Amino acid sequence: MIENYLLEELVAYAKYGTIAKTAEFLDLTQPAVTHSMKKLEEELGVKLFIRKPNKLYLSETGKYTALEAKKLINGNLDFTKKVKQFDKDQTTLVVGFNAPGPGIVLRSLHDKNIQIKNNLVENNFEKLLSEHQLTCILINFPIEDRDITSTYLGTESMSVNLQSECKLNKNKELSFKKLKGKTILSPSPIGFWTKIYHDEISDSKIIFQNESTEYSEILQYSVLPFFTTNLTSLDSQWGKNLPNNRTVRPLSDKVAHQKFYAVYLKQNKNRVMPLIEKLQDQWSKYD
């Protein structure tokens, strides 16, 4: 079996073109690199170099071997990364979500055995699970196939917060249709909710603010309506600092009520079920 360091030195030589530059890059002596190249030729049983006085060239076979060596090295790095990720997945639950709501519930558990993926996960759900990049994904639809299954967690329901003087307050319940043409504040990023806003109130102006602390301050001084959900109050960053002079009106539209599921590999069911039960219990208090 060819040792990895021999391949690494060959790849470095192919990039830098001389023994001297290769040795400098690898922090080795020139005789050490020369010895390695000869050893690699002997182990492969082919000539990788064209040798001329004071000069060494890669032969066509040498160039091909360097390309294949680079592929093999990259493959080994990917292999190592996957193994380490799998091992990490066995000790820590790595969880992602495609909208802020489930993340709010997840963080409120303060579970030290959970690693939360901060950026929203919006695609490649099956791949992320099968490659063990994530142990569980909290999304607004179930996935069921040979390897993956889902468990219902709870529903996130959208509301709009209005100043008491707003004419819309006469309605105990509102719809997106009644918000058309309004300027509304919203936190960001919010995942698929952005598309729902675009589809349902495309002629309204949504002002997105992506810093929770700044958003909280803006709400205090603005007269504009803003969106919240049944899960907002769980958010430790700004959910506890909402203005207290607003009237909350739930939205009746079906799309304003999104069911969420924990999606995971069937082989991980026993590992993720304790977390799922905690999420269900916490969510039920606000569902």
C-alpha atoms as a PDB file:
ATOM      1  CA  MET A   1       0.000   0.000   0.000  1.00  0.00           C
ATOM      2  CA  ILE A   2       1.385   3.397  -1.009  1.00  0.00           C
ATOM      3  CA  GLU A   3       1.936   5.638   2.006  1.00  0.00           C
ATOM      4  CA  ASN A   4       0.045   8.910   1.922  1.00  0.00           C
ATOM      5  CA  TYR A   5       3.088  11.140   2.410  1.00  0.00           C
ATOM      6  CA  LEU A   6       4.575   9.893  -0.875  1.00  0.00           C
ATOM      7  CA  LEU A   7       1.444  10.931  -2.744  1.00  0.00           C
ATOM      8  CA  GLU A   8       1.399  14.303  -1.013  1.00  0.00           C
ATOM      9  CA  GLU A   9       4.989  14.973  -2.055  1.00  0.00           C
ATOM     10  CA  LEU A  10       4.244  13.994  -5.651  1.00  0.00           C
ATOM     11  CA  VAL A  11       1.240  16.311  -5.765  1.00  0.00           C
ATOM     12  CA  ALA A  12       3.346  19.126  -4.327  1.00  0.00           C
ATOM     13  CA  TYR A  13       6.052  18.491  -6.939  1.00  0.00           C
ATOM     14  CA  ALA A  14       3.466  18.608  -9.732  1.00  0.00           C
ATOM     15  CA  LYS A  15       2.337  22.002  -8.420  1.00  0.00           C
ATOM     16  CA  TYR A  16       5.721  23.624  -7.752  1.00  0.00           C
ATOM     17  CA  GLY A  17       7.845  21.991 -10.461  1.00  0.00           C
ATOM     18  CA  THR A  18      11.155  21.607  -8.640  1.00  0.00           C
ATOM     19  CA  ILE A  19      12.583  19.566  -5.783  1.00  0.00           C
ATOM     20  CA  ALA A  20      13.736  22.761  -4.066  1.00  0.00           C
ATOM     21  CA  LYS A  21      10.311  24.451  -4.100  1.00  0.00           C
ATOM     22  CA  THR A  22       8.601  21.216  -3.117  1.00  0.00           C
ATOM     23  CA  ALA A  23      10.945  20.761  -0.167  1.00  0.00           C
ATOM     24  CA  GLU A  24      10.419  24.372   0.912  1.00  0.00           C
ATOM     25  CA  PHE A  25       6.628  24.042   0.748  1.00  0.00           C
ATOM     26  CA  LEU A  26       6.614  20.782   2.716  1.00  0.00           C
ATOM     27  CA  ASP A  27       9.319  21.947   5.134  1.00  0.00           C
ATOM     28  CA  LEU A  28      11.560  19.004   4.154  1.00  0.00           C
ATOM     29  CA  THR A  29      15.129  18.683   2.929  1.00  0.00           C
ATOM     30  CA  GLN A  30      15.736  18.281  -0.803  1.00  0.00           C
ATOM     31  CA  PRO A  31      17.429  14.859  -0.354  1.00  0.00           C
ATOM     32  CA  ALA A  32      14.338  13.683   1.583  1.00  0.00           C
ATOM     33  CA  VAL A  33      12.022  14.659  -1.291  1.00  0.00           C
ATOM     34  CA  THR A  34      14.347  13.061  -3.862  1.00  0.00           C
ATOM     35  CA  HIS A  35      14.405   9.845  -1.828  1.00  0.00           C
ATOM     36  CA  SER A  36      10.599   9.855  -1.591  1.00  0.00           C
ATOM     37  CA  MET A  37      10.183  10.259  -5.348  1.00  0.00           C
ATOM     38  CA  LYS A  38      12.522   7.326  -6.015  1.00  0.00           C
ATOM     39  CA  LYS A  39      10.709   5.223  -3.425  1.00  0.00           C
ATOM     40  CA  LEU A  40       7.346   6.022  -5.036  1.00  0.00           C
ATOM     41  CA  GLU A  41       8.654   4.951  -8.445  1.00  0.00           C
ATOM     42  CA  GLU A  42       9.959   1.698  -6.973  1.00  0.00           C
ATOM     43  CA  GLU A  43       6.697   0.911  -5.213  1.00  0.00           C
ATOM     44  CA  LEU A  44       4.613   1.649  -8.308  1.00  0.00           C
ATOM     45  CA  GLY A  45       7.054  -0.075 -10.645  1.00  0.00           C
ATOM     46  CA  VAL A  46       6.918   2.771 -13.191  1.00  0.00           C
ATOM     47  CA  LYS A  47       9.050   5.777 -14.144  1.00  0.00           C
ATOM     48  CA  LEU A  48       7.412   9.005 -13.046  1.00  0.00           C
ATOM     49  CA  PHE A  49      10.219  11.382 -13.999  1.00  0.00           C
ATOM     50  CA  ILE A  50      12.396  12.285 -16.947  1.00  0.00           C
ATOM     51  CA  ARG A  51      15.827  12.934 -15.505  1.00  0.00           C
ATOM     52  CA  LYS A  52      18.276  15.295 -17.171  1.00  0.00           C
ATOM     53  CA  PRO A  53      21.401  16.964 -15.749  1.00  0.00           C
ATOM     54  CA  ASN A  54      20.324  19.339 -12.975  1.00  0.00           C
ATOM     55  CA  LYS A  55      16.669  18.991 -13.939  1.00  0.00           C
ATOM     56  CA  LEU A  56      13.761  16.668 -13.225  1.00  0.00           C
ATOM     57  CA  TYR A  57      10.557  16.540 -15.273  1.00  0.00           C
ATOM     58  CA  LEU A  58       7.342  14.641 -14.718  1.00  0.00           C
ATOM     59  CA  SER A  59       6.731  12.143 -17.484  1.00  0.00           C
ATOM     60  CA  GLU A  60       3.227  11.722 -18.901  1.00  0.00           C
ATOM     61  CA  THR A  61       2.812   8.809 -16.517  1.00  0.00           C
ATOM     62  CA  GLY A  62       4.058  11.042 -13.710  1.00  0.00           C
ATOM     63  CA  LYS A  63       1.528  13.748 -14.569  1.00  0.00           C
ATOM     64  CA  TYR A  64      -1.265  11.192 -14.650  1.00  0.00           C
ATOM     65  CA  THR A  65      -0.117   9.705 -11.344  1.00  0.00           C
ATOM     66  CA  ALA A  66      -0.027  13.144  -9.712  1.00  0.00           C
ATOM     67  CA  LEU A  67      -3.610  13.834 -10.815  1.00  0.00           C
ATOM     68  CA  GLU A  68      -4.792  10.475  -9.473  1.00  0.00           C
ATOM     69  CA  ALA A  69      -2.835  11.025  -6.248  1.00  0.00           C
ATOM     70  CA  LYS A  70      -4.591  14.362  -5.732  1.00  0.00           C
ATOM     71  CA  LYS A  71      -7.990  12.700  -6.189  1.00  0.00           C
ATOM     72  CA  LEU A  72      -7.026  10.007  -3.704  1.00  0.00           C
ATOM     73  CA  ILE A  73      -5.797  12.522  -1.122  1.00  0.00           C
ATOM     74  CA  ASN A  74      -9.005  14.553  -1.441  1.00  0.00           C
ATOM     75  CA  GLY A  75     -11.006  11.353  -1.151  1.00  0.00           C
ATOM     76  CA  ASN A  76      -9.145  10.412   2.016  1.00  0.00           C
ATOM     77  CA  LEU A  77      -9.805  13.862   3.485  1.00  0.00           C
ATOM     78  CA  ASP A  78     -13.487  13.505   2.680  1.00  0.00           C
ATOM     79  CA  PHE A  79     -13.466  10.017   4.176  1.00  0.00           C
ATOM     80  CA  THR A  80     -11.837  11.292   7.367  1.00  0.00           C
ATOM     81  CA  LYS A  81     -14.311  14.166   7.601  1.00  0.00           C
ATOM     82  CA  LYS A  82     -17.264  11.804   7.223  1.00  0.00           C
ATOM     83  CA  VAL A  83     -15.926   9.419   9.872  1.00  0.00           C
ATOM     84  CA  LYS A  84     -15.352  12.267  12.329  1.00  0.00           C
ATOM     85  CA  GLN A  85     -18.801  13.672  11.587  1.00  0.00           C
ATOM     86  CA  PHE A  86     -20.386  10.261  12.153  1.00  0.00           C
ATOM     87  CA  ASP A  87     -18.553   9.884  15.467  1.00  0.00           C
ATOM     88  CA  LYS A  88     -19.689  13.344  16.517  1.00  0.00           C
ATOM     89  CA  ASP A  89     -23.223  12.460  15.480  1.00  0.00           C
ATOM     90  CA  GLN A  90     -23.154   9.513  17.891  1.00  0.00           C
ATOM     91  CA  THR A  91     -22.389  11.689  20.899  1.00  0.00           C
ATOM     92  CA  THR A  92     -24.108  14.973  20.036  1.00  0.00           C
ATOM     93  CA  LEU A  93     -27.424  15.583  18.306  1.00  0.00           C
ATOM     94  CA  VAL A  94     -26.823  18.042  15.489  1.00  0.00           C
ATOM     95  CA  VAL A  95     -30.117  19.732  14.671  1.00  0.00           C
ATOM     96  CA  GLY A  96     -31.153  22.109  11.903  1.00  0.00           C
ATOM     97  CA  PHE A  97     -34.443  23.773  10.917  1.00  0.00           C
ATOM     98  CA  ASN A  98     -35.917  25.620   7.942  1.00  0.00           C
ATOM     99  CA  ALA A  99     -37.631  28.457   9.839  1.00  0.00           C
ATOM    100  CA  PRO A 100     -36.902  30.335  13.092  1.00  0.00           C
ATOM    101  CA  GLY A 101     -39.863  28.979  15.104  1.00  0.00           C
ATOM    102  CA  PRO A 102     -38.595  25.428  15.735  1.00  0.00           C
ATOM    103  CA  GLY A 103     -35.183  26.881  16.549  1.00  0.00           C
ATOM    104  CA  ILE A 104     -36.767  29.080  19.216  1.00  0.00           C
ATOM    105  CA  VAL A 105     -38.365  26.042  20.852  1.00  0.00           C
ATOM    106  CA  LEU A 106     -35.126  24.071  20.550  1.00  0.00           C
ATOM    107  CA  ARG A 107     -33.001  26.778  22.177  1.00  0.00           C
ATOM    108  CA  SER A 108     -35.492  27.191  25.003  1.00  0.00           C
ATOM    109  CA  LEU A 109     -34.671  23.640  26.131  1.00  0.00           C
ATOM    110  CA  HIS A 110     -31.064  24.641  26.961  1.00  0.00           C
ATOM    111  CA  ASP A 111     -29.953  21.080  26.234  1.00  0.00           C
ATOM    112  CA  LYS A 112     -26.148  20.816  26.341  1.00  0.00           C
ATOM    113  CA  ASN A 113     -26.176  17.633  24.241  1.00  0.00           C
ATOM    114  CA  ILE A 114     -27.581  19.472  21.237  1.00  0.00           C
ATOM    115  CA  GLN A 115     -25.533  21.299  18.632  1.00  0.00           C
ATOM    116  CA  ILE A 116     -27.775  23.767  16.814  1.00  0.00           C
ATOM    117  CA  LYS A 117     -27.047  24.729  13.217  1.00  0.00           C
ATOM    118  CA  ASN A 118     -27.486  28.501  13.269  1.00  0.00           C
ATOM    119  CA  ASN A 119     -28.089  29.049   9.553  1.00  0.00           C
ATOM    120  CA  LEU A 120     -31.488  27.964   8.265  1.00  0.00           C
ATOM    121  CA  VAL A 121     -31.491  24.698   6.296  1.00  0.00           C
ATOM    122  CA  GLU A 122     -33.666  25.114   3.203  1.00  0.00           C
ATOM    123  CA  ASN A 123     -32.820  22.179   0.917  1.00  0.00           C
ATOM    124  CA  ASN A 124     -30.943  18.860   0.561  1.00  0.00           C
ATOM    125  CA  PHE A 125     -32.648  17.536   3.706  1.00  0.00           C
ATOM    126  CA  GLU A 126     -32.264  13.854   2.810  1.00  0.00           C
ATOM    127  CA  LYS A 127     -28.591  14.294   1.895  1.00  0.00           C
ATOM    128  CA  LEU A 128     -27.765  16.133   5.125  1.00  0.00           C
ATOM    129  CA  LEU A 129     -29.293  13.300   7.127  1.00  0.00           C
ATOM    130  CA  SER A 130     -27.796  10.432   5.125  1.00  0.00           C
ATOM    131  CA  GLU A 131     -24.306  11.971   5.307  1.00  0.00           C
ATOM    132  CA  HIS A 132     -24.733  12.500   9.081  1.00  0.00           C
ATOM    133  CA  GLN A 133     -24.190  16.234   8.768  1.00  0.00           C
ATOM    134  CA  LEU A 134     -27.403  16.599  10.745  1.00  0.00           C
ATOM    135  CA  THR A 135     -29.006  14.116  13.143  1.00  0.00           C
ATOM    136  CA  CYS A 136     -32.441  15.699  12.938  1.00  0.00           C
ATOM    137  CA  ILE A 137     -34.101  18.457  10.901  1.00  0.00           C
ATOM    138  CA  LEU A 138     -37.172  20.397  12.036  1.00  0.00           C
ATOM    139  CA  ILE A 139     -39.187  21.323   8.933  1.00  0.00           C
ATOM    140  CA  ASN A 140     -42.754  22.156   7.909  1.00  0.00           C
ATOM    141  CA  PHE A 141     -43.480  18.902   6.075  1.00  0.00           C
ATOM    142  CA  PRO A 142     -42.858  15.207   6.753  1.00  0.00           C
ATOM    143  CA  ILE A 143     -40.428  13.034   4.806  1.00  0.00           C
ATOM    144  CA  GLU A 144     -40.989   9.310   4.600  1.00  0.00           C
ATOM    145  CA  ASP A 145     -38.835   6.897   2.615  1.00  0.00           C
ATOM    146  CA  ARG A 146     -36.832   3.737   3.118  1.00  0.00           C
ATOM    147  CA  ASP A 147     -34.336   5.345   5.497  1.00  0.00           C
ATOM    148  CA  ILE A 148     -36.053   8.480   6.797  1.00  0.00           C
ATOM    149  CA  THR A 149     -39.145   9.049   8.928  1.00  0.00           C
ATOM    150  CA  SER A 150     -40.894  11.970  10.639  1.00  0.00           C
ATOM    151  CA  THR A 151     -42.660  12.806  13.889  1.00  0.00           C
ATOM    152  CA  TYR A 152     -45.102  15.692  14.345  1.00  0.00           C
ATOM    153  CA  LEU A 153     -43.943  18.379  16.786  1.00  0.00           C
ATOM    154  CA  GLY A 154     -46.490  21.192  16.777  1.00  0.00           C
ATOM    155  CA  THR A 155     -47.933  24.088  14.799  1.00  0.00           C
ATOM    156  CA  GLU A 156     -46.572  27.595  14.399  1.00  0.00           C
ATOM    157  CA  SER A 157     -49.346  30.153  13.911  1.00  0.00           C
ATOM    158  CA  MET A 158     -48.835  33.663  12.577  1.00  0.00           C
ATOM    159  CA  SER A 159     -50.342  36.831  14.075  1.00  0.00           C
ATOM    160  CA  VAL A 160     -50.055  40.521  13.314  1.00  0.00           C
ATOM    161  CA  ASN A 161     -49.496  43.112  16.057  1.00  0.00           C
ATOM    162  CA  LEU A 162     -51.341  46.420  15.632  1.00  0.00           C
ATOM    163  CA  GLN A 163     -51.442  49.756  17.414  1.00  0.00           C
ATOM    164  CA  SER A 164     -54.687  50.282  19.294  1.00  0.00           C
ATOM    165  CA  GLU A 165     -55.695  53.118  16.934  1.00  0.00           C
ATOM    166  CA  CYS A 166     -55.431  50.898  13.848  1.00  0.00           C
ATOM    167  CA  LYS A 167     -58.768  50.384  12.055  1.00  0.00           C
ATOM    168  CA  LEU A 168     -57.986  46.699  11.556  1.00  0.00           C
ATOM    169  CA  ASN A 169     -58.453  46.181  15.298  1.00  0.00           C
ATOM    170  CA  LYS A 170     -62.206  45.954  14.798  1.00  0.00           C
ATOM    171  CA  ASN A 171     -61.557  42.455  13.452  1.00  0.00           C
ATOM    172  CA  LYS A 172     -60.925  39.748  16.048  1.00  0.00           C
ATOM    173  CA  GLU A 173     -59.195  37.739  13.346  1.00  0.00           C
ATOM    174  CA  LEU A 174     -57.443  38.934  10.200  1.00  0.00           C
ATOM    175  CA  SER A 175     -56.220  37.458   6.950  1.00  0.00           C
ATOM    176  CA  PHE A 176     -53.292  38.233   4.676  1.00  0.00           C
ATOM    177  CA  LYS A 177     -55.794  39.751   2.253  1.00  0.00           C
ATOM    178  CA  LYS A 178     -56.681  42.484   4.743  1.00  0.00           C
ATOM    179  CA  LEU A 179     -52.986  43.360   5.108  1.00  0.00           C
ATOM    180  CA  LYS A 180     -52.438  44.077   1.432  1.00  0.00           C
ATOM    181  CA  GLY A 181     -50.832  47.436   0.796  1.00  0.00           C
ATOM    182  CA  LYS A 182     -49.589  47.760   4.379  1.00  0.00           C
ATOM    183  CA  THR A 183     -46.003  48.338   5.466  1.00  0.00           C
ATOM    184  CA  ILE A 184     -45.094  45.651   7.987  1.00  0.00           C
ATOM    185  CA  LEU A 185     -41.999  44.895  10.059  1.00  0.00           C
ATOM    186  CA  SER A 186     -40.544  41.404  10.172  1.00  0.00           C
ATOM    187  CA  PRO A 187     -37.438  39.756  11.609  1.00  0.00           C
ATOM    188  CA  SER A 188     -35.045  38.097   9.175  1.00  0.00           C
ATOM    189  CA  PRO A 189     -34.115  35.494   8.010  1.00  0.00           C
ATOM    190  CA  ILE A 190     -37.410  33.633   8.262  1.00  0.00           C
ATOM    191  CA  GLY A 191     -36.993  30.847   5.698  1.00  0.00           C
ATOM    192  CA  PHE A 192     -40.110  29.782   3.767  1.00  0.00           C
ATOM    193  CA  TRP A 193     -42.232  32.447   5.505  1.00  0.00           C
ATOM    194  CA  THR A 194     -40.646  34.982   3.128  1.00  0.00           C
ATOM    195  CA  LYS A 195     -42.221  33.223   0.147  1.00  0.00           C
ATOM    196  CA  ILE A 196     -45.575  33.063   1.926  1.00  0.00           C
ATOM    197  CA  TYR A 197     -45.450  36.824   2.473  1.00  0.00           C
ATOM    198  CA  HIS A 198     -44.542  37.342  -1.182  1.00  0.00           C
ATOM    199  CA  ASP A 199     -47.341  35.076  -2.407  1.00  0.00           C
ATOM    200  CA  GLU A 200     -50.052  36.317  -0.056  1.00  0.00           C
ATOM    201  CA  ILE A 201     -49.291  40.050   0.260  1.00  0.00           C
ATOM    202  CA  SER A 202     -47.094  40.803  -2.730  1.00  0.00           C
ATOM    203  CA  ASP A 203     -48.295  44.423  -2.867  1.00  0.00           C
ATOM    204  CA  SER A 204     -47.336  45.074   0.760  1.00  0.00           C
ATOM    205  CA  LYS A 205     -43.945  46.345   1.845  1.00  0.00           C
ATOM    206  CA  ILE A 206     -42.192  44.053   4.308  1.00  0.00           C
ATOM    207  CA  ILE A 207     -39.287  45.689   6.120  1.00  0.00           C
ATOM    208  CA  PHE A 208     -36.876  42.963   7.227  1.00  0.00           C
ATOM    209  CA  GLN A 209     -34.463  43.461  10.119  1.00  0.00           C
ATOM    210  CA  ASN A 210     -31.879  40.745  10.801  1.00  0.00           C
ATOM    211  CA  GLU A 211     -30.435  41.836  14.146  1.00  0.00           C
ATOM    212  CA  SER A 212     -32.695  40.716  16.996  1.00  0.00           C
ATOM    213  CA  THR A 213     -31.583  43.399  19.457  1.00  0.00           C
ATOM    214  CA  GLU A 214     -31.991  46.191  16.903  1.00  0.00           C
ATOM    215  CA  TYR A 215     -35.315  44.781  15.749  1.00  0.00           C
ATOM    216  CA  SER A 216     -36.618  44.820  19.319  1.00  0.00           C
ATOM    217  CA  GLU A 217     -35.666  48.484  19.653  1.00  0.00           C
ATOM    218  CA  ILE A 218     -37.269  49.380  16.322  1.00  0.00           C
ATOM    219  CA  LEU A 219     -40.550  47.800  17.424  1.00  0.00           C
ATOM    220  CA  GLN A 220     -40.632  49.965  20.543  1.00  0.00           C
ATOM    221  CA  TYR A 221     -40.557  53.210  18.549  1.00  0.00           C
ATOM    222  CA  SER A 222     -42.412  52.237  15.388  1.00  0.00           C
ATOM    223  CA  VAL A 223     -46.123  52.567  14.698  1.00  0.00           C
ATOM    224  CA  LEU A 224     -45.965  49.923  11.976  1.00  0.00           C
ATOM    225  CA  PRO A 225     -47.620  46.512  12.328  1.00  0.00           C
ATOM    226  CA  PHE A 226     -45.299  43.565  12.878  1.00  0.00           C
ATOM    227  CA  PHE A 227     -45.583  39.795  12.721  1.00  0.00           C
ATOM    228  CA  THR A 228     -45.201  37.380  15.618  1.00  0.00           C
ATOM    229  CA  THR A 229     -46.163  33.743  16.133  1.00  0.00           C
ATOM    230  CA  ASN A 230     -47.296  31.626  19.052  1.00  0.00           C
ATOM    231  CA  LEU A 231     -43.618  30.751  19.584  1.00  0.00           C
ATOM    232  CA  THR A 232     -42.194  34.291  19.635  1.00  0.00           C
ATOM    233  CA  SER A 233     -42.418  34.755  23.404  1.00  0.00           C
ATOM    234  CA  LEU A 234     -40.003  31.825  23.857  1.00  0.00           C
ATOM    235  CA  ASP A 235     -37.251  33.773  22.092  1.00  0.00           C
ATOM    236  CA  SER A 236     -34.857  34.997  24.782  1.00  0.00           C
ATOM    237  CA  GLN A 237     -33.260  37.576  22.451  1.00  0.00           C
ATOM    238  CA  TRP A 238     -36.269  39.707  21.665  1.00  0.00           C
ATOM    239  CA  GLY A 239     -39.465  37.796  22.334  1.00  0.00           C
ATOM    240  CA  LYS A 240     -39.591  39.042  25.933  1.00  0.00           C
ATOM    241  CA  ASN A 241     -39.121  42.679  24.874  1.00  0.00           C
ATOM    242  CA  LEU A 242     -42.124  43.168  22.623  1.00  0.00           C
ATOM    243  CA  PRO A 243     -44.100  46.424  22.920  1.00  0.00           C
ATOM    244  CA  ASN A 244     -46.974  46.072  25.377  1.00  0.00           C
ATOM    245  CA  ASN A 245     -49.178  48.633  23.628  1.00  0.00           C
ATOM    246  CA  ARG A 246     -50.156  46.427  20.693  1.00  0.00           C
ATOM    247  CA  THR A 247     -53.222  44.356  19.914  1.00  0.00           C
ATOM    248  CA  VAL A 248     -52.451  40.867  18.639  1.00  0.00           C
ATOM    249  CA  ARG A 249     -54.685  39.572  15.854  1.00  0.00           C
ATOM    250  CA  PRO A 250     -54.251  35.972  14.613  1.00  0.00           C
ATOM    251  CA  LEU A 251     -54.289  35.289  10.891  1.00  0.00           C
ATOM    252  CA  SER A 252     -56.960  32.887   9.676  1.00  0.00           C
ATOM    253  CA  ASP A 253     -55.245  31.823   6.444  1.00  0.00           C
ATOM    254  CA  LYS A 254     -54.329  28.157   6.234  1.00  0.00           C
ATOM    255  CA  VAL A 255     -50.742  29.020   5.226  1.00  0.00           C
ATOM    256  CA  ALA A 256     -50.410  31.120   8.388  1.00  0.00           C
ATOM    257  CA  HIS A 257     -50.548  27.892  10.402  1.00  0.00           C
ATOM    258  CA  GLN A 258     -47.587  25.650   9.642  1.00  0.00           C
ATOM    259  CA  LYS A 259     -47.211  22.143  11.067  1.00  0.00           C
ATOM    260  CA  PHE A 260     -43.643  21.147  11.901  1.00  0.00           C
ATOM    261  CA  TYR A 261     -42.039  17.726  12.003  1.00  0.00           C
ATOM    262  CA  ALA A 262     -38.806  16.256  13.298  1.00  0.00           C
ATOM    263  CA  VAL A 263     -37.241  14.393  10.360  1.00  0.00           C
ATOM    264  CA  TYR A 264     -34.502  11.846  11.033  1.00  0.00           C
ATOM    265  CA  LEU A 265     -32.945   8.563   9.965  1.00  0.00           C
ATOM    266  CA  LYS A 266     -34.908   5.548  11.142  1.00  0.00           C
ATOM    267  CA  GLN A 267     -31.700   4.079  12.556  1.00  0.00           C
ATOM    268  CA  ASN A 268     -31.444   7.118  14.871  1.00  0.00           C
ATOM    269  CA  LYS A 269     -34.978   6.895  16.247  1.00  0.00           C
ATOM    270  CA  ASN A 270     -33.965   5.775  19.736  1.00  0.00           C
ATOM    271  CA  ARG A 271     -31.402   8.577  19.947  1.00  0.00           C
ATOM    272  CA  VAL A 272     -33.677  11.408  18.815  1.00  0.00           C
ATOM    273  CA  MET A 273     -36.954  10.420  20.512  1.00  0.00           C
ATOM    274  CA  PRO A 274     -36.022  11.871  23.946  1.00  0.00           C
ATOM    275  CA  LEU A 275     -35.360  15.219  22.241  1.00  0.00           C
ATOM    276  CA  ILE A 276     -38.569  14.975  20.208  1.00  0.00           C
ATOM    277  CA  GLU A 277     -40.605  14.335  23.350  1.00  0.00           C
ATOM    278  CA  LYS A 278     -39.039  17.392  25.014  1.00  0.00           C
ATOM    279  CA  LEU A 279     -39.840  19.514  21.945  1.00  0.00           C
ATOM    280  CA  GLN A 280     -43.423  18.241  21.824  1.00  0.00           C
ATOM    281  CA  ASP A 281     -43.922  18.967  25.516  1.00  0.00           C
ATOM    282  CA  GLN A 282     -42.473  22.472  25.259  1.00  0.00           C
ATOM    283  CA  TRP A 283     -44.336  23.238  22.033  1.00  0.00           C
ATOM    284  CA  SER A 284     -47.672  22.076  23.444  1.00  0.00           C
ATOM    285  CA  LYS A 285     -47.564  24.897  25.985  1.00  0.00           C
ATOM    286  CA  TYR A 286     -47.773  27.425  23.143  1.00  0.00           C
ATOM    287  CA  ASP A 287     -49.543  25.464  20.388  1.00  0.00           C
END
